[in-house]
C-alpha atoms as a PDB file:
ATOM      1  CA  MET A   1     149.763  93.055 198.911  1.00  0.00           C
ATOM      2  CA  LYS A   2     147.974  94.815 201.771  1.00  0.00           C
ATOM      3  CA  SER A   3     147.366  97.915 199.646  1.00  0.00           C
ATOM      4  CA  TRP A   4     145.533  95.861 196.968  1.00  0.00           C
ATOM      5  CA  ILE A   5     143.319  94.222 199.586  1.00  0.00           C
ATOM      6  CA  PHE A   6     142.524  97.624 201.110  1.00  0.00           C
ATOM      7  CA  THR A   7     141.557  99.085 197.686  1.00  0.00           C
ATOM      8  CA  ILE A   8     139.142  96.263 196.873  1.00  0.00           C
ATOM      9  CA  ARG A   9     137.415  96.463 200.238  1.00  0.00           C
ATOM     10  CA  VAL A  10     136.788 100.177 199.898  1.00  0.00           C
ATOM     11  CA  VAL A  11     135.799 100.586 196.226  1.00  0.00           C
ATOM     12  CA  PHE A  12     133.674  97.483 195.629  1.00  0.00           C
ATOM     13  CA  PRO A  13     131.246  97.976 198.535  1.00  0.00           C
ATOM     14  CA  THR A  14     130.876 101.631 197.556  1.00  0.00           C
ATOM     15  CA  LEU A  15     129.762 100.659 194.059  1.00  0.00           C
ATOM     16  CA  THR A  16     127.366  98.070 195.451  1.00  0.00           C
ATOM     17  CA  LEU A  17     125.703 100.589 197.759  1.00  0.00           C
ATOM     18  CA  ALA A  18     125.416 103.139 194.975  1.00  0.00           C
ATOM     19  CA  ILE A  19     123.788 100.839 192.438  1.00  0.00           C
ATOM     20  CA  LEU A  20     121.617  98.262 194.176  1.00  0.00           C
ATOM     21  CA  PRO A  21     119.227 100.541 196.097  1.00  0.00           C
ATOM     22  CA  ALA A  22     118.353 102.378 192.861  1.00  0.00           C
ATOM     23  CA  LEU A  23     117.092  99.310 191.006  1.00  0.00           C
ATOM     24  CA  PRO A  24     114.079  98.266 193.119  1.00  0.00           C
ATOM     25  CA  GLY A  25     112.771 101.826 193.396  1.00  0.00           C
ATOM     26  CA  HIS A  26     113.039 102.308 189.617  1.00  0.00           C
ATOM     27  CA  ALA A  27     111.179  99.058 188.921  1.00  0.00           C
ATOM     28  CA  LEU A  28     108.400  99.953 191.377  1.00  0.00           C
ATOM     29  CA  ALA A  29     107.961 103.384 189.855  1.00  0.00           C
ATOM     30  CA  GLN A  30     107.557 101.892 186.405  1.00  0.00           C
ATOM     31  CA  SER A  31     104.956  99.308 187.442  1.00  0.00           C
ATOM     32  CA  LYS A  32     102.581 101.647 189.300  1.00  0.00           C
ATOM     33  CA  PRO A  33      99.166 101.812 187.534  1.00  0.00           C
ATOM     34  CA  SER A  34      97.152 104.962 186.899  1.00  0.00           C
ATOM     35  CA  PHE A  35      94.779 104.390 189.825  1.00  0.00           C
ATOM     36  CA  ASP A  36      94.935 103.567 193.528  1.00  0.00           C
ATOM     37  CA  CYS A  37      95.123  99.791 193.868  1.00  0.00           C
ATOM     38  CA  ALA A  38      93.684 100.062 197.374  1.00  0.00           C
ATOM     39  CA  LYS A  39      90.478 101.208 195.685  1.00  0.00           C
ATOM     40  CA  ALA A  40      90.488  98.682 192.805  1.00  0.00           C
ATOM     41  CA  ALA A  41      86.788  98.252 192.096  1.00  0.00           C
ATOM     42  CA  ASN A  42      86.464  95.538 189.454  1.00  0.00           C
ATOM     43  CA  VAL A  43      88.121  92.470 187.956  1.00  0.00           C
ATOM     44  CA  ALA A  44      90.147  94.474 185.420  1.00  0.00           C
ATOM     45  CA  GLU A  45      91.614  96.841 187.998  1.00  0.00           C
ATOM     46  CA  LYS A  46      92.455  93.997 190.381  1.00  0.00           C
ATOM     47  CA  GLU A  47      94.136  92.056 187.576  1.00  0.00           C
ATOM     48  CA  ILE A  48      96.175  95.117 186.583  1.00  0.00           C
ATOM     49  CA  CYS A  49      97.267  95.695 190.183  1.00  0.00           C
ATOM     50  CA  ALA A  50      98.359  92.054 190.513  1.00  0.00           C
ATOM     51  CA  ASP A  51     100.619  92.118 187.439  1.00  0.00           C
ATOM     52  CA  PRO A  52     103.496  94.648 187.076  1.00  0.00           C
ATOM     53  CA  VAL A  53     103.452  94.246 183.282  1.00  0.00           C
ATOM     54  CA  LEU A  54      99.757  95.113 183.106  1.00  0.00           C
ATOM     55  CA  ALA A  55     100.288  97.940 185.583  1.00  0.00           C
ATOM     56  CA  GLN A  56     102.949  99.442 183.334  1.00  0.00           C
ATOM     57  CA  ALA A  57     100.707  99.106 180.277  1.00  0.00           C
ATOM     58  CA  ASP A  58      97.862 100.817 182.144  1.00  0.00           C
ATOM     59  CA  ALA A  59     100.180 103.630 183.195  1.00  0.00           C
ATOM     60  CA  ASP A  60     101.287 104.084 179.570  1.00  0.00           C
ATOM     61  CA  VAL A  61      97.657 104.336 178.431  1.00  0.00           C
ATOM     62  CA  ALA A  62      96.904 106.964 181.071  1.00  0.00           C
ATOM     63  CA  LYS A  63     100.040 108.973 180.263  1.00  0.00           C
ATOM     64  CA  ASN A  64      99.398 109.032 176.513  1.00  0.00           C
ATOM     65  CA  TYR A  65      95.700 109.802 177.014  1.00  0.00           C
ATOM     66  CA  ALA A  66      96.436 112.788 179.262  1.00  0.00           C
ATOM     67  CA  ALA A  67      99.050 114.135 176.847  1.00  0.00           C
ATOM     68  CA  LEU A  68      96.658 113.841 173.906  1.00  0.00           C
ATOM     69  CA  LEU A  69      93.843 115.629 175.735  1.00  0.00           C
ATOM     70  CA  ARG A  70      96.141 118.633 176.147  1.00  0.00           C
ATOM     71  CA  THR A  71      96.722 118.671 172.372  1.00  0.00           C
ATOM     72  CA  LEU A  72      93.229 118.351 170.895  1.00  0.00           C
ATOM     73  CA  ASP A  73      90.591 121.079 170.768  1.00  0.00           C
ATOM     74  CA  PRO A  74      87.612 120.912 173.213  1.00  0.00           C
ATOM     75  CA  ARG A  75      85.225 119.179 170.782  1.00  0.00           C
ATOM     76  CA  ALA A  76      87.724 116.490 169.876  1.00  0.00           C
ATOM     77  CA  GLY A  77      88.721 116.251 173.529  1.00  0.00           C
ATOM     78  CA  LYS A  78      85.155 115.438 174.532  1.00  0.00           C
ATOM     79  CA  ALA A  79      84.971 112.816 171.784  1.00  0.00           C
ATOM     80  CA  LEU A  80      88.259 111.328 172.997  1.00  0.00           C
ATOM     81  CA  ARG A  81      86.857 111.057 176.526  1.00  0.00           C
ATOM     82  CA  ASP A  82      83.908 109.117 175.129  1.00  0.00           C
ATOM     83  CA  ASP A  83      86.278 106.894 173.147  1.00  0.00           C
ATOM     84  CA  GLN A  84      88.340 106.277 176.296  1.00  0.00           C
ATOM     85  CA  SER A  85      85.159 105.319 178.177  1.00  0.00           C
ATOM     86  CA  ASP A  86      84.401 102.799 175.432  1.00  0.00           C
ATOM     87  CA  PHE A  87      87.937 101.458 175.699  1.00  0.00           C
ATOM     88  CA  ILE A  88      87.576 100.972 179.471  1.00  0.00           C
ATOM     89  CA  ALA A  89      84.263  99.159 178.965  1.00  0.00           C
ATOM     90  CA  TYR A  90      85.915  96.801 176.450  1.00  0.00           C
ATOM     91  CA  ARG A  91      88.877  96.356 178.830  1.00  0.00           C
ATOM     92  CA  ASP A  92      86.516  95.339 181.619  1.00  0.00           C
ATOM     93  CA  GLN A  93      84.763  92.871 179.298  1.00  0.00           C
ATOM     94  CA  ILE A  94      88.066  91.191 178.494  1.00  0.00           C
ATOM     95  CA  ALA A  95      88.969  90.902 182.174  1.00  0.00           C
ATOM     96  CA  GLY A  96      85.534  89.453 182.882  1.00  0.00           C
ATOM     97  CA  PHE A  97      85.933  86.847 180.152  1.00  0.00           C
ATOM     98  CA  ASN A  98      89.364  85.912 181.517  1.00  0.00           C
ATOM     99  CA  GLU A  99      88.273  85.635 185.144  1.00  0.00           C
ATOM    100  CA  ASN A 100      88.893  82.193 186.658  1.00  0.00           C
ATOM    101  CA  THR A 101      90.486  81.015 183.390  1.00  0.00           C
ATOM    102  CA  PRO A 102      94.142  79.861 183.376  1.00  0.00           C
ATOM    103  CA  LYS A 103      96.330  82.326 181.491  1.00  0.00           C
ATOM    104  CA  ASP A 104      97.326  79.787 178.828  1.00  0.00           C
ATOM    105  CA  GLN A 105      93.632  79.147 178.090  1.00  0.00           C
ATOM    106  CA  GLN A 106      92.441  82.750 177.892  1.00  0.00           C
ATOM    107  CA  THR A 107      90.915  83.848 174.592  1.00  0.00           C
ATOM    108  CA  PHE A 108      91.677  87.532 175.038  1.00  0.00           C
ATOM    109  CA  ASP A 109      95.041  89.082 175.897  1.00  0.00           C
ATOM    110  CA  LEU A 110      94.407  91.998 178.263  1.00  0.00           C
ATOM    111  CA  GLY A 111      98.039  93.103 178.121  1.00  0.00           C
ATOM    112  CA  GLU A 112      98.009  93.281 174.332  1.00  0.00           C
ATOM    113  CA  PHE A 113      94.752  95.255 174.409  1.00  0.00           C
ATOM    114  CA  LEU A 114      96.277  97.790 176.817  1.00  0.00           C
ATOM    115  CA  ARG A 115      99.515  98.090 174.854  1.00  0.00           C
ATOM    116  CA  ASP A 116      97.648  98.556 171.568  1.00  0.00           C
ATOM    117  CA  ARG A 117      95.639 101.362 173.142  1.00  0.00           C
ATOM    118  CA  ALA A 118      98.784 103.081 174.416  1.00  0.00           C
ATOM    119  CA  THR A 119     100.314 102.844 170.933  1.00  0.00           C
ATOM    120  CA  LEU A 120      97.162 104.185 169.284  1.00  0.00           C
ATOM    121  CA  LEU A 121      96.985 107.183 171.622  1.00  0.00           C
ATOM    122  CA  ALA A 122     100.680 107.940 171.106  1.00  0.00           C
ATOM    123  CA  GLY A 123     100.167 107.953 167.332  1.00  0.00           C
ATOM    124  CA  ILE A 124      97.239 110.391 167.232  1.00  0.00           C
ATOM    125  CA  ARG A 125      98.151 113.933 166.219  1.00  0.00           C
ATOM    126  CA  LYS A 126      96.449 117.283 165.864  1.00  0.00           C
ATOM    127  CA  PRO A 127      95.456 117.850 162.212  1.00  0.00           C
ATOM    128  CA  ALA A 128      97.354 120.595 160.427  1.00  0.00           C
ATOM    129  CA  ASP A 129      94.305 121.625 158.361  1.00  0.00           C
ATOM    130  CA  THR A 130      90.584 121.037 157.908  1.00  0.00           C
ATOM    131  CA  GLY A 131      91.021 118.428 155.188  1.00  0.00           C
ATOM    132  CA  PHE A 132      89.981 114.788 155.154  1.00  0.00           C
ATOM    133  CA  THR A 133      92.949 112.842 153.836  1.00  0.00           C
ATOM    134  CA  GLY A 134      94.735 110.553 156.241  1.00  0.00           C
ATOM    135  CA  THR A 135      94.118 107.602 158.513  1.00  0.00           C
ATOM    136  CA  TRP A 136      91.597 108.285 161.272  1.00  0.00           C
ATOM    137  CA  SER A 137      91.322 105.906 164.223  1.00  0.00           C
ATOM    138  CA  SER A 138      89.174 105.051 167.238  1.00  0.00           C
ATOM    139  CA  VAL A 139      88.858 102.133 169.622  1.00  0.00           C
ATOM    140  CA  ARG A 140      86.500 100.471 167.093  1.00  0.00           C
ATOM    141  CA  GLY A 141      88.669 100.769 163.974  1.00  0.00           C
ATOM    142  CA  THR A 142      89.796 103.106 161.232  1.00  0.00           C
ATOM    143  CA  VAL A 143      88.695 105.355 158.401  1.00  0.00           C
ATOM    144  CA  GLU A 144      91.189 105.912 155.596  1.00  0.00           C
ATOM    145  CA  ILE A 145      90.708 108.740 153.101  1.00  0.00           C
ATOM    146  CA  LYS A 146      92.948 109.217 150.066  1.00  0.00           C
ATOM    147  CA  ALA A 147      93.019 111.593 147.112  1.00  0.00           C
ATOM    148  CA  ALA A 148      91.491 109.962 144.035  1.00  0.00           C
ATOM    149  CA  GLY A 149      92.134 112.744 141.499  1.00  0.00           C
ATOM    150  CA  ALA A 150      89.754 115.162 139.732  1.00  0.00           C
ATOM    151  CA  GLY A 151      88.239 116.518 142.942  1.00  0.00           C
ATOM    152  CA  LYS A 152      87.430 113.104 144.350  1.00  0.00           C
ATOM    153  CA  LEU A 153      88.404 111.152 147.435  1.00  0.00           C
ATOM    154  CA  GLU A 154      88.572 107.427 148.109  1.00  0.00           C
ATOM    155  CA  VAL A 155      87.011 106.488 151.444  1.00  0.00           C
ATOM    156  CA  SER A 156      87.228 103.187 153.311  1.00  0.00           C
ATOM    157  CA  GLU A 157      86.004 102.450 156.824  1.00  0.00           C
ATOM    158  CA  ASP A 158      86.545  99.253 158.790  1.00  0.00           C
ATOM    159  CA  VAL A 159      85.091  99.128 162.306  1.00  0.00           C
ATOM    160  CA  ALA A 160      83.905  96.417 164.696  1.00  0.00           C
ATOM    161  CA  ASN A 161      83.590  95.510 168.350  1.00  0.00           C
ATOM    162  CA  PRO A 162      87.282  95.060 169.286  1.00  0.00           C
ATOM    163  CA  VAL A 163      86.491  92.316 171.789  1.00  0.00           C
ATOM    164  CA  SER A 164      83.982  90.084 170.001  1.00  0.00           C
ATOM    165  CA  GLY A 165      84.727  91.162 166.429  1.00  0.00           C
ATOM    166  CA  GLY A 166      80.974  91.445 165.909  1.00  0.00           C
ATOM    167  CA  GLY A 167      79.063  94.367 164.459  1.00  0.00           C
ATOM    168  CA  GLU A 168      81.643  94.852 161.734  1.00  0.00           C
ATOM    169  CA  CYS A 169      81.182  97.500 159.064  1.00  0.00           C
ATOM    170  CA  ASP A 170      83.295  97.500 155.919  1.00  0.00           C
ATOM    171  CA  VAL A 171      82.338 100.622 153.990  1.00  0.00           C
ATOM    172  CA  GLY A 172      84.096 102.057 150.958  1.00  0.00           C
ATOM    173  CA  GLY A 173      83.835 104.010 147.738  1.00  0.00           C
ATOM    174  CA  THR A 174      84.826 107.115 145.807  1.00  0.00           C
ATOM    175  CA  VAL A 175      83.121 110.404 146.705  1.00  0.00           C
ATOM    176  CA  LYS A 176      83.129 114.008 145.567  1.00  0.00           C
ATOM    177  CA  ALA A 177      85.369 116.256 147.659  1.00  0.00           C
ATOM    178  CA  GLY A 178      83.570 118.967 149.599  1.00  0.00           C
ATOM    179  CA  LYS A 179      82.905 120.402 153.058  1.00  0.00           C
ATOM    180  CA  SER A 180      81.390 117.031 153.903  1.00  0.00           C
ATOM    181  CA  LEU A 181      81.619 113.701 152.097  1.00  0.00           C
ATOM    182  CA  GLN A 182      78.540 111.700 151.128  1.00  0.00           C
ATOM    183  CA  LEU A 183      79.016 108.002 150.462  1.00  0.00           C
ATOM    184  CA  VAL A 184      75.972 106.147 149.115  1.00  0.00           C
ATOM    185  CA  ASP A 185      75.929 102.524 150.183  1.00  0.00           C
ATOM    186  CA  THR A 186      75.413 100.059 147.336  1.00  0.00           C
ATOM    187  CA  ASP A 187      74.804  96.337 147.058  1.00  0.00           C
ATOM    188  CA  ASP A 188      76.681  93.730 145.026  1.00  0.00           C
ATOM    189  CA  ASN A 189      74.897  94.933 141.901  1.00  0.00           C
ATOM    190  CA  ASP A 190      76.034  98.512 142.542  1.00  0.00           C
ATOM    191  CA  LYS A 191      72.480  99.634 143.393  1.00  0.00           C
ATOM    192  CA  PRO A 192      71.742 101.994 146.342  1.00  0.00           C
ATOM    193  CA  THR A 193      70.676 100.181 149.500  1.00  0.00           C
ATOM    194  CA  GLY A 194      68.960 103.196 151.076  1.00  0.00           C
ATOM    195  CA  PHE A 195      71.807 104.010 153.472  1.00  0.00           C
ATOM    196  CA  VAL A 196      74.099 107.032 153.241  1.00  0.00           C
ATOM    197  CA  PHE A 197      77.302 107.621 155.185  1.00  0.00           C
ATOM    198  CA  THR A 198      78.359 111.222 155.865  1.00  0.00           C
ATOM    199  CA  PHE A 199      81.931 112.106 156.771  1.00  0.00           C
ATOM    200  CA  ARG A 200      82.501 115.586 158.223  1.00  0.00           C
ATOM    201  CA  ARG A 201      85.151 117.377 160.218  1.00  0.00           C
ATOM    202  CA  SER A 202      84.390 118.550 163.752  1.00  0.00           C
ATOM    203  CA  GLY A 203      87.411 120.501 164.907  1.00  0.00           C
ATOM    204  CA  ASP A 204      90.321 118.104 165.272  1.00  0.00           C
ATOM    205  CA  ALA A 205      88.133 115.033 164.776  1.00  0.00           C
ATOM    206  CA  LEU A 206      86.369 113.222 161.948  1.00  0.00           C
ATOM    207  CA  VAL A 207      82.697 112.385 162.526  1.00  0.00           C
ATOM    208  CA  VAL A 208      80.917 109.615 160.622  1.00  0.00           C
ATOM    209  CA  GLU A 209      77.116 109.547 160.506  1.00  0.00           C
ATOM    210  CA  GLN A 210      74.925 106.753 159.152  1.00  0.00           C
ATOM    211  CA  ASN A 211      71.482 107.702 157.837  1.00  0.00           C
ATOM    212  CA  GLY A 212      68.640 106.100 155.909  1.00  0.00           C
ATOM    213  CA  ALA A 213      66.864 102.778 155.959  1.00  0.00           C
ATOM    214  CA  GLY A 214      67.138  99.648 153.891  1.00  0.00           C
ATOM    215  CA  LYS A 215      64.587  97.695 151.926  1.00  0.00           C
ATOM    216  CA  ASP A 216      62.024  95.707 153.870  1.00  0.00           C
ATOM    217  CA  GLY A 217      62.804  97.731 156.986  1.00  0.00           C
ATOM    218  CA  ALA A 218      66.424  96.612 157.267  1.00  0.00           C
ATOM    219  CA  SER A 219      68.115  98.579 160.048  1.00  0.00           C
ATOM    220  CA  GLU A 220      71.676  97.709 159.040  1.00  0.00           C
ATOM    221  CA  PRO A 221      73.448  98.360 155.737  1.00  0.00           C
ATOM    222  CA  PRO A 222      74.562  95.311 153.725  1.00  0.00           C
ATOM    223  CA  SER A 223      78.088  96.636 154.312  1.00  0.00           C
ATOM    224  CA  CYS A 224      77.674  95.906 158.038  1.00  0.00           C
ATOM    225  CA  GLY A 225      77.192  92.728 160.021  1.00  0.00           C
ATOM    226  CA  ALA A 226      74.491  92.123 162.627  1.00  0.00           C
ATOM    227  CA  ASN A 227      74.178  95.122 164.939  1.00  0.00           C
ATOM    228  CA  GLY A 228      76.882  96.864 162.938  1.00  0.00           C
ATOM    229  CA  HIS A 229      76.989 100.612 162.477  1.00  0.00           C
ATOM    230  CA  ALA A 230      79.406 103.033 160.875  1.00  0.00           C
ATOM    231  CA  ASP A 231      78.693 105.981 163.183  1.00  0.00           C
ATOM    232  CA  GLY A 232      81.539 107.264 165.303  1.00  0.00           C
ATOM    233  CA  THR A 233      84.245 109.830 165.894  1.00  0.00           C
ATOM    234  CA  PHE A 234      87.813 109.261 164.739  1.00  0.00           C
ATOM    235  CA  PHE A 235      91.176 110.925 165.300  1.00  0.00           C
ATOM    236  CA  LEU A 236      94.013 111.534 162.845  1.00  0.00           C
ATOM    237  CA  SER A 237      96.686 108.945 163.478  1.00  0.00           C
ATOM    238  CA  GLU A 238      99.968 107.611 162.257  1.00  0.00           C
ATOM    239  CA  LYS A 239      99.573 104.342 160.358  1.00  0.00           C
ATOM    240  CA  GLN A 240     100.135 101.348 162.628  1.00  0.00           C
END
């Protein structure tokens, strides 16, 4: 009887000491954000520092962003930095909208926005060739290009402000394959509106340019909402 008591007293505390100290340290390491919380400068950073779940999501964004920068060529890398700056600006807008609003009444989910960004960055890959086909993504939306047979490609672009949903552009059509793709914008009667969208490769990225002017001085294509524009740089991504 004494030997059983002696065995329990020795083994059980040893296991407790070995396991318990490891758990808090592991949890803290996972919830550390990508920046110094002592220097948190705005509402978004303070909110991230106050919530371990948001801190982890921020850390995931930073990790995936840094890994992707090491993969892309310099031109695409610069474009990705600009895209990340846009993402941070949108992130700060969301935090500003949520400030002083109870969590169950908030319109925007900051955590979801951070997690979606981390997923997007993890899914971007370096193109294997200089072609156009694939799904190309940015913080504002996507461009999808598919083979349409007989030397043609089917192009569709859907972009908008990810916070407000405003400024949406929904552009699409079939174009002739070439070194660059020219998509003529048309109205409901299939007549040119005066706007042309150019899709071209720039290293590892896809660049979209919007040119032209509409009738009566219209500054936005009929395919876009108020203040909408199709311009932007996109990165080859896995479908989400």
